Amino acid sequence: QVQLAESGGGLVQAGGSLRLSCAASGSIFSINTMAWYRQAPGKQRELVADITNSDSTNYADSVKGRFTISRDNAKNTVYLEMNSLKPEDTAVYYCFVRYDVIWNSWGQGTRVTVSS
C-alpha cells in the first residue's frame, strides 16, 4: 500500500503562484508515472500534467506555459509549479502515482482557489 501526502494548496489572487507537492511513501519498488489531476465543482476530473520516470512530461492545453511538473526520485515526490493562475484553475488537485508497473494510488486532494 502506498500513501500520498499532498501539500501546497490554498487561496491566491489571479496572476499569483502556488507550488503543490506530493510525497509517496510505503512499500514501493519503483515509481512509474506521476501526475496531477484536478476536479472543479460540477466538472469531471481532468489530467493537468504528468511525468514519466524518464522525465517525459505532458500538459493539458489549458495549463501549457503556466504550469510545470517535476519530480525528485530520491524523495518519491512530484511537484506542480503553478504560475499566472486564473480563476478557472480553481479546483481540488489530486496527486496520482503509478508504481510497480500495475498499481495506482491517489492522494486525498488539495484545494486551490484563485480569486479574481
N, C-alpha and C. Protein backbone atom coordinates (compact mmCIF):
# COMPACT_ATOMS: atom_id res chain seq x y z
N GLN A 1 0.85 -1.19 0.00
CA GLN A 1 0.00 0.00 0.00
C GLN A 1 0.89 1.24 0.00
N VAL A 2 0.53 2.18 -0.85
CA VAL A 2 1.29 3.43 -0.97
C VAL A 2 0.43 4.58 -0.50
N GLN A 3 1.00 5.43 0.31
CA GLN A 3 0.30 6.63 0.77
C GLN A 3 0.88 7.85 0.08
N LEU A 4 0.00 8.78 -0.27
CA LEU A 4 0.42 10.02 -0.91
C LEU A 4 0.04 11.19 0.00
N ALA A 5 1.00 12.03 0.29
CA ALA A 5 0.77 13.19 1.14
C ALA A 5 0.94 14.45 0.31
N GLU A 6 -0.15 15.16 0.10
CA GLU A 6 -0.14 16.38 -0.71
C GLU A 6 -0.06 17.61 0.18
N SER A 7 0.52 18.65 -0.36
CA SER A 7 0.55 19.93 0.35
C SER A 7 0.70 21.05 -0.66
N GLY A 8 0.42 22.27 -0.21
CA GLY A 8 0.69 23.44 -1.03
C GLY A 8 -0.53 24.16 -1.58
N GLY A 9 -1.71 23.61 -1.40
CA GLY A 9 -2.90 24.31 -1.89
C GLY A 9 -3.20 25.54 -1.06
N GLY A 10 -4.17 26.31 -1.51
CA GLY A 10 -4.57 27.50 -0.76
C GLY A 10 -5.32 28.49 -1.62
N LEU A 11 -5.42 29.69 -1.08
CA LEU A 11 -6.12 30.78 -1.75
C LEU A 11 -5.09 31.76 -2.30
N VAL A 12 -5.26 32.13 -3.56
CA VAL A 12 -4.32 33.06 -4.19
C VAL A 12 -5.10 33.96 -5.15
N GLN A 13 -4.59 35.15 -5.36
CA GLN A 13 -5.23 36.05 -6.32
C GLN A 13 -4.83 35.68 -7.74
N ALA A 14 -5.67 36.05 -8.68
CA ALA A 14 -5.37 35.82 -10.09
C ALA A 14 -4.02 36.44 -10.44
N GLY A 15 -3.23 35.69 -11.19
CA GLY A 15 -1.89 36.13 -11.53
C GLY A 15 -0.82 35.63 -10.58
N GLY A 16 -1.25 35.07 -9.47
CA GLY A 16 -0.31 34.59 -8.46
C GLY A 16 0.20 33.20 -8.77
N SER A 17 0.96 32.67 -7.81
CA SER A 17 1.61 31.37 -7.98
C SER A 17 1.41 30.49 -6.74
N LEU A 18 1.43 29.21 -6.98
CA LEU A 18 1.41 28.22 -5.91
C LEU A 18 2.26 27.03 -6.34
N ARG A 19 2.77 26.32 -5.36
CA ARG A 19 3.53 25.11 -5.65
C ARG A 19 2.94 23.96 -4.85
N LEU A 20 2.49 22.94 -5.55
CA LEU A 20 1.96 21.75 -4.91
C LEU A 20 3.06 20.69 -4.81
N SER A 21 3.00 19.93 -3.73
CA SER A 21 3.93 18.82 -3.53
C SER A 21 3.16 17.56 -3.19
N CYS A 22 3.69 16.43 -3.57
CA CYS A 22 3.07 15.16 -3.24
C CYS A 22 4.18 14.13 -3.01
N ALA A 23 4.25 13.63 -1.79
CA ALA A 23 5.27 12.66 -1.43
C ALA A 23 4.66 11.28 -1.26
N ALA A 24 5.25 10.30 -1.91
CA ALA A 24 4.77 8.92 -1.83
C ALA A 24 5.59 8.16 -0.79
N SER A 25 4.89 7.36 -0.01
CA SER A 25 5.58 6.54 0.99
C SER A 25 4.92 5.17 1.04
N GLY A 26 5.66 4.20 1.57
CA GLY A 26 5.12 2.86 1.67
C GLY A 26 6.00 1.86 0.95
N SER A 27 5.42 0.72 0.66
CA SER A 27 6.16 -0.34 0.00
C SER A 27 6.18 -0.13 -1.50
N ILE A 28 7.27 0.48 -1.98
CA ILE A 28 7.38 0.81 -3.40
C ILE A 28 8.67 0.25 -3.93
N PHE A 29 8.56 -0.52 -5.01
CA PHE A 29 9.77 -0.98 -5.68
C PHE A 29 10.24 0.06 -6.68
N SER A 30 9.29 0.56 -7.47
CA SER A 30 9.63 1.61 -8.43
C SER A 30 8.39 2.42 -8.75
N ILE A 31 8.60 3.73 -8.90
CA ILE A 31 7.50 4.61 -9.30
C ILE A 31 7.61 4.87 -10.79
N ASN A 32 6.53 4.71 -11.48
CA ASN A 32 6.50 4.92 -12.92
C ASN A 32 6.01 6.34 -13.19
N THR A 33 4.78 6.50 -13.62
CA THR A 33 4.25 7.84 -13.91
C THR A 33 3.73 8.51 -12.65
N MET A 34 3.99 9.80 -12.56
CA MET A 34 3.42 10.64 -11.51
C MET A 34 2.65 11.75 -12.20
N ALA A 35 1.53 12.15 -11.61
CA ALA A 35 0.68 13.10 -12.31
C ALA A 35 -0.14 13.93 -11.32
N TRP A 36 -0.66 15.01 -11.84
CA TRP A 36 -1.62 15.84 -11.12
C TRP A 36 -2.90 15.90 -11.95
N TYR A 37 -4.01 15.67 -11.28
CA TYR A 37 -5.34 15.85 -11.86
C TYR A 37 -6.05 16.94 -11.07
N ARG A 38 -7.12 17.44 -11.62
CA ARG A 38 -7.93 18.40 -10.88
C ARG A 38 -9.41 18.20 -11.19
N GLN A 39 -10.21 18.59 -10.22
CA GLN A 39 -11.65 18.49 -10.40
C GLN A 39 -12.29 19.77 -9.88
N ALA A 40 -12.90 20.50 -10.78
CA ALA A 40 -13.62 21.72 -10.42
C ALA A 40 -15.06 21.36 -10.08
N PRO A 41 -15.73 22.19 -9.32
CA PRO A 41 -17.12 21.91 -8.95
C PRO A 41 -17.99 21.67 -10.17
N GLY A 42 -18.71 20.56 -10.16
CA GLY A 42 -19.63 20.26 -11.25
C GLY A 42 -18.97 19.73 -12.51
N LYS A 43 -17.67 19.50 -12.45
CA LYS A 43 -16.95 19.02 -13.63
C LYS A 43 -16.27 17.69 -13.36
N GLN A 44 -15.89 17.03 -14.43
CA GLN A 44 -15.18 15.76 -14.29
C GLN A 44 -13.71 16.00 -13.93
N ARG A 45 -13.12 15.03 -13.31
CA ARG A 45 -11.69 15.10 -13.02
C ARG A 45 -10.92 15.07 -14.34
N GLU A 46 -9.92 15.93 -14.45
CA GLU A 46 -9.14 16.03 -15.67
C GLU A 46 -7.65 16.00 -15.37
N LEU A 47 -6.90 15.50 -16.33
CA LEU A 47 -5.45 15.49 -16.21
C LEU A 47 -4.91 16.90 -16.37
N VAL A 48 -4.05 17.30 -15.45
CA VAL A 48 -3.37 18.58 -15.56
C VAL A 48 -2.00 18.39 -16.19
N ALA A 49 -1.23 17.47 -15.64
CA ALA A 49 0.11 17.20 -16.15
C ALA A 49 0.59 15.86 -15.62
N ASP A 50 1.45 15.22 -16.39
CA ASP A 50 2.08 14.01 -15.89
C ASP A 50 3.55 13.97 -16.30
N ILE A 51 4.30 13.12 -15.61
CA ILE A 51 5.73 13.00 -15.85
C ILE A 51 6.12 11.54 -15.67
N THR A 52 6.85 11.02 -16.63
CA THR A 52 7.26 9.62 -16.56
C THR A 52 8.56 9.49 -15.79
N ASN A 53 8.99 8.25 -15.59
CA ASN A 53 10.25 8.04 -14.86
C ASN A 53 11.46 8.36 -15.72
N SER A 54 11.24 8.72 -16.99
CA SER A 54 12.34 9.24 -17.81
C SER A 54 12.19 10.74 -18.01
N ASP A 55 11.35 11.36 -17.17
CA ASP A 55 11.16 12.81 -17.16
C ASP A 55 10.48 13.36 -18.40
N SER A 56 9.77 12.52 -19.12
CA SER A 56 8.94 13.00 -20.22
C SER A 56 7.67 13.58 -19.63
N THR A 57 7.29 14.78 -20.08
CA THR A 57 6.14 15.46 -19.50
C THR A 57 5.03 15.67 -20.52
N ASN A 58 3.84 15.85 -19.98
CA ASN A 58 2.65 16.08 -20.80
C ASN A 58 1.75 17.02 -20.03
N TYR A 59 1.18 18.00 -20.74
CA TYR A 59 0.35 19.00 -20.08
C TYR A 59 -0.99 19.16 -20.78
N ALA A 60 -2.00 19.50 -20.01
CA ALA A 60 -3.27 19.90 -20.60
C ALA A 60 -3.04 21.23 -21.32
N ASP A 61 -3.76 21.42 -22.43
CA ASP A 61 -3.58 22.65 -23.20
C ASP A 61 -3.84 23.89 -22.35
N SER A 62 -4.77 23.78 -21.42
CA SER A 62 -5.17 24.94 -20.63
C SER A 62 -4.09 25.43 -19.67
N VAL A 63 -3.09 24.60 -19.41
CA VAL A 63 -2.05 25.00 -18.45
C VAL A 63 -0.66 25.11 -19.08
N LYS A 64 -0.54 24.78 -20.35
CA LYS A 64 0.76 24.85 -21.01
C LYS A 64 1.34 26.25 -20.92
N GLY A 65 2.60 26.32 -20.57
CA GLY A 65 3.27 27.61 -20.46
C GLY A 65 3.09 28.28 -19.11
N ARG A 66 2.20 27.75 -18.28
CA ARG A 66 1.96 28.35 -16.95
C ARG A 66 2.33 27.40 -15.82
N PHE A 67 2.12 26.10 -16.04
CA PHE A 67 2.39 25.10 -15.01
C PHE A 67 3.61 24.27 -15.41
N THR A 68 4.34 23.83 -14.39
CA THR A 68 5.49 22.96 -14.62
C THR A 68 5.45 21.81 -13.63
N ILE A 69 5.51 20.60 -14.16
CA ILE A 69 5.56 19.41 -13.31
C ILE A 69 7.00 18.93 -13.24
N SER A 70 7.40 18.47 -12.07
CA SER A 70 8.74 17.93 -11.90
C SER A 70 8.70 16.87 -10.82
N ARG A 71 9.77 16.10 -10.71
CA ARG A 71 9.81 15.04 -9.70
C ARG A 71 11.20 14.90 -9.13
N ASP A 72 11.25 14.45 -7.89
CA ASP A 72 12.50 14.15 -7.21
C ASP A 72 12.44 12.67 -6.87
N ASN A 73 13.12 11.86 -7.64
CA ASN A 73 13.02 10.41 -7.45
C ASN A 73 13.62 9.95 -6.13
N ALA A 74 14.61 10.66 -5.65
CA ALA A 74 15.22 10.28 -4.37
C ALA A 74 14.24 10.46 -3.22
N LYS A 75 13.30 11.38 -3.39
CA LYS A 75 12.30 11.64 -2.34
C LYS A 75 10.93 11.09 -2.68
N ASN A 76 10.80 10.42 -3.83
CA ASN A 76 9.50 9.91 -4.28
C ASN A 76 8.45 11.02 -4.25
N THR A 77 8.83 12.17 -4.75
CA THR A 77 7.97 13.35 -4.66
C THR A 77 7.77 13.97 -6.04
N VAL A 78 6.54 14.42 -6.27
CA VAL A 78 6.22 15.13 -7.50
C VAL A 78 5.73 16.52 -7.12
N TYR A 79 6.08 17.49 -7.95
CA TYR A 79 5.73 18.89 -7.71
C TYR A 79 4.93 19.43 -8.89
N LEU A 80 4.13 20.45 -8.59
CA LEU A 80 3.45 21.19 -9.64
C LEU A 80 3.60 22.67 -9.33
N GLU A 81 4.41 23.32 -10.14
CA GLU A 81 4.60 24.76 -10.02
C GLU A 81 3.55 25.42 -10.88
N MET A 82 2.72 26.25 -10.26
CA MET A 82 1.61 26.89 -10.98
C MET A 82 1.81 28.41 -10.96
N ASN A 83 1.97 28.98 -12.11
CA ASN A 83 2.15 30.42 -12.25
C ASN A 83 1.02 31.03 -13.07
N SER A 84 0.90 32.34 -12.98
CA SER A 84 -0.14 33.06 -13.73
C SER A 84 -1.50 32.41 -13.55
N LEU A 85 -1.82 32.13 -12.31
CA LEU A 85 -3.06 31.42 -12.01
C LEU A 85 -4.28 32.24 -12.41
N LYS A 86 -5.30 31.52 -12.86
CA LYS A 86 -6.55 32.13 -13.30
C LYS A 86 -7.70 31.58 -12.45
N PRO A 87 -8.79 32.33 -12.35
CA PRO A 87 -9.94 31.81 -11.59
C PRO A 87 -10.40 30.43 -12.07
N GLU A 88 -10.25 30.17 -13.35
CA GLU A 88 -10.67 28.87 -13.88
C GLU A 88 -9.75 27.72 -13.47
N ASP A 89 -8.65 28.03 -12.81
CA ASP A 89 -7.78 26.99 -12.25
C ASP A 89 -8.28 26.51 -10.89
N THR A 90 -9.30 27.17 -10.37
CA THR A 90 -9.86 26.78 -9.08
C THR A 90 -10.40 25.36 -9.15
N ALA A 91 -9.93 24.51 -8.25
CA ALA A 91 -10.31 23.10 -8.25
C ALA A 91 -9.66 22.40 -7.07
N VAL A 92 -10.06 21.17 -6.86
CA VAL A 92 -9.31 20.29 -5.97
C VAL A 92 -8.29 19.55 -6.84
N TYR A 93 -7.04 19.62 -6.44
CA TYR A 93 -5.96 18.99 -7.20
C TYR A 93 -5.56 17.68 -6.52
N TYR A 94 -5.49 16.64 -7.33
CA TYR A 94 -5.19 15.31 -6.84
C TYR A 94 -3.88 14.81 -7.42
N CYS A 95 -3.07 14.26 -6.57
CA CYS A 95 -1.84 13.60 -6.99
C CYS A 95 -2.16 12.15 -7.38
N PHE A 96 -1.49 11.67 -8.40
CA PHE A 96 -1.66 10.29 -8.87
C PHE A 96 -0.28 9.68 -9.08
N VAL A 97 -0.15 8.45 -8.67
CA VAL A 97 1.12 7.74 -8.86
C VAL A 97 0.86 6.34 -9.38
N ARG A 98 1.55 5.96 -10.41
CA ARG A 98 1.55 4.56 -10.85
C ARG A 98 2.89 3.97 -10.40
N TYR A 99 2.82 2.85 -9.69
CA TYR A 99 4.05 2.25 -9.17
C TYR A 99 4.06 0.75 -9.41
N ASP A 100 5.24 0.21 -9.42
CA ASP A 100 5.44 -1.23 -9.65
C ASP A 100 4.63 -1.70 -10.86
N VAL A 101 4.61 -0.87 -11.86
CA VAL A 101 4.04 -1.14 -13.20
C VAL A 101 2.53 -1.12 -13.23
N ILE A 102 1.88 -1.81 -12.31
CA ILE A 102 0.43 -2.03 -12.45
C ILE A 102 -0.42 -1.38 -11.38
N TRP A 103 0.19 -0.82 -10.34
CA TRP A 103 -0.60 -0.30 -9.23
C TRP A 103 -0.74 1.21 -9.31
N ASN A 104 -1.91 1.72 -8.89
CA ASN A 104 -2.18 3.15 -8.88
C ASN A 104 -2.54 3.60 -7.47
N SER A 105 -2.23 4.83 -7.18
CA SER A 105 -2.62 5.41 -5.90
C SER A 105 -2.99 6.88 -6.11
N TRP A 106 -3.99 7.33 -5.37
CA TRP A 106 -4.46 8.71 -5.44
C TRP A 106 -4.26 9.40 -4.10
N GLY A 107 -3.94 10.68 -4.16
CA GLY A 107 -3.90 11.49 -2.96
C GLY A 107 -5.30 11.90 -2.54
N GLN A 108 -5.38 12.53 -1.38
CA GLN A 108 -6.69 12.91 -0.84
C GLN A 108 -7.20 14.21 -1.45
N GLY A 109 -6.33 14.93 -2.14
CA GLY A 109 -6.73 16.18 -2.78
C GLY A 109 -6.34 17.39 -1.96
N THR A 110 -5.96 18.44 -2.65
CA THR A 110 -5.66 19.71 -2.01
C THR A 110 -6.37 20.81 -2.80
N ARG A 111 -7.01 21.69 -2.08
CA ARG A 111 -7.87 22.69 -2.74
C ARG A 111 -7.06 23.91 -3.14
N VAL A 112 -7.28 24.33 -4.37
CA VAL A 112 -6.68 25.56 -4.89
C VAL A 112 -7.82 26.50 -5.28
N THR A 113 -7.81 27.69 -4.71
CA THR A 113 -8.82 28.69 -5.03
C THR A 113 -8.13 29.94 -5.55
N VAL A 114 -8.54 30.37 -6.73
CA VAL A 114 -7.97 31.56 -7.35
C VAL A 114 -9.06 32.62 -7.42
N SER A 115 -8.82 33.72 -6.73
CA SER A 115 -9.81 34.79 -6.71
C SER A 115 -9.51 35.81 -7.82
N SER A 116 -10.57 36.40 -8.33
CA SER A 116 -10.40 37.37 -9.43
C SER A 116 -10.24 38.79 -8.91
